[in-house]
């Protein structure tokens, strides 16, 4: 990421706490649709940093991984079946 001089913009928070990151800032930082951001409360301000984009940023779990997790969590059979169905449908 290239170093740029400090820039400031005033933005308005929407009703549900949403904030629009100005396009100039998104372009400089390489933030696109679906970019994951890390947001931290630091003292009296927020820091928002784009996460490094790599194939390993989010791990994909296999059906075997999920089955093992569900067994290790000792979920009752009904809950385990509902979780599996939600995972397969993409709802989780």
Protein backbone atom coordinates (compact mmCIF):
# COMPACT_ATOMS: atom_id res chain seq x y z
CA UNK A 1 0.00 0.00 0.00
CA UNK A 2 1.39 3.39 -0.92
CA UNK A 3 1.85 6.08 1.68
CA UNK A 4 -0.40 9.10 1.15
CA UNK A 5 -0.76 12.39 2.95
CA UNK A 6 -3.44 12.66 5.63
CA UNK A 7 -6.84 13.36 4.18
CA UNK A 8 -10.06 14.15 5.97
CA UNK A 9 -13.69 13.97 4.91
CA UNK A 10 -16.82 14.51 6.96
CA UNK A 11 -19.48 11.83 6.54
CA UNK A 12 -22.88 11.35 8.15
CA UNK A 13 -23.82 8.23 10.09
CA UNK A 14 -27.08 6.65 8.93
CA UNK A 15 -29.83 5.43 11.25
CA UNK A 16 -28.36 1.93 11.69
CA UNK A 17 -24.79 3.15 12.18
CA UNK A 18 -23.77 2.74 8.55
CA UNK A 19 -21.10 5.04 7.16
CA UNK A 20 -20.13 5.51 3.53
CA UNK A 21 -16.38 5.41 2.94
CA UNK A 22 -15.62 8.12 0.35
CA UNK A 23 -14.75 6.73 -3.08
CA UNK A 24 -11.38 8.52 -3.04
CA UNK A 25 -10.40 6.61 0.12
CA UNK A 26 -11.74 3.28 -1.22
CA UNK A 27 -9.70 3.70 -4.41
CA UNK A 28 -6.49 4.53 -2.52
CA UNK A 29 -6.92 1.58 -0.14
CA UNK A 30 -8.16 -0.88 -2.77
CA UNK A 31 -11.51 -1.41 -1.06
CA UNK A 32 -14.04 -2.97 -3.41
CA UNK A 33 -17.42 -4.63 -2.98
CA UNK A 34 -17.06 -7.65 -0.69
CA UNK A 35 -13.69 -6.48 0.72
CA UNK A 36 -13.41 -7.55 4.35
CA UNK A 37 -12.54 -4.76 6.76
CA UNK A 38 -11.17 -4.89 10.29
CA UNK A 39 -12.65 -2.21 12.54
CA UNK A 40 -11.13 -1.39 15.94
CA UNK A 41 -12.00 1.02 18.71
CA UNK A 42 -8.72 2.76 19.57
CA UNK A 43 -9.07 5.22 22.42
CA UNK A 44 -11.63 7.73 21.23
CA UNK A 45 -11.68 6.85 17.52
CA UNK A 46 -12.21 4.02 15.07
CA UNK A 47 -9.58 2.47 12.81
CA UNK A 48 -10.79 0.68 9.70
CA UNK A 49 -8.26 -1.44 7.81
CA UNK A 50 -8.88 -3.63 4.75
CA UNK A 51 -7.86 -7.23 5.42
CA UNK A 52 -5.22 -8.71 3.18
CA UNK A 53 -6.85 -10.46 0.25
CA UNK A 54 -5.57 -13.99 -0.11
CA UNK A 55 -7.02 -17.39 -0.76
CA UNK A 56 -6.40 -18.23 2.89
CA UNK A 57 -8.22 -15.18 4.31
CA UNK A 58 -11.29 -17.29 5.08
CA UNK A 59 -11.02 -21.01 5.54
CA UNK A 60 -13.50 -23.23 3.73
CA UNK A 61 -14.63 -26.19 5.83
CA UNK A 62 -15.36 -29.63 4.42
CA UNK A 63 -18.40 -31.68 5.36
CA UNK A 64 -16.06 -33.85 7.44
CA UNK A 65 -14.76 -30.77 9.33
CA UNK A 66 -18.30 -29.64 10.06
CA UNK A 67 -19.36 -33.12 11.20
CA UNK A 68 -16.37 -33.22 13.57
CA UNK A 69 -17.15 -29.74 14.94
CA UNK A 70 -20.77 -30.68 15.54
CA UNK A 71 -19.74 -33.89 17.30
CA UNK A 72 -17.16 -32.09 19.44
CA UNK A 73 -19.78 -29.51 20.45
CA UNK A 74 -22.05 -32.32 21.61
CA UNK A 75 -25.09 -30.81 19.96
CA UNK A 76 -28.30 -32.76 20.20
CA UNK A 77 -29.26 -34.56 16.99
CA UNK A 78 -32.08 -32.16 16.05
CA UNK A 79 -29.87 -29.05 16.41
CA UNK A 80 -27.01 -30.71 14.51
CA UNK A 81 -29.36 -31.55 11.62
CA UNK A 82 -30.70 -27.98 11.52
CA UNK A 83 -27.16 -26.55 11.54
CA UNK A 84 -26.08 -28.88 8.72
CA UNK A 85 -29.14 -27.86 6.66
CA UNK A 86 -28.44 -24.16 7.20
CA UNK A 87 -24.77 -24.61 6.24
CA UNK A 88 -25.69 -26.49 3.06
CA UNK A 89 -28.23 -23.83 2.07
CA UNK A 90 -25.65 -21.06 2.59
CA UNK A 91 -27.73 -19.41 5.32
CA UNK A 92 -24.76 -19.68 7.72
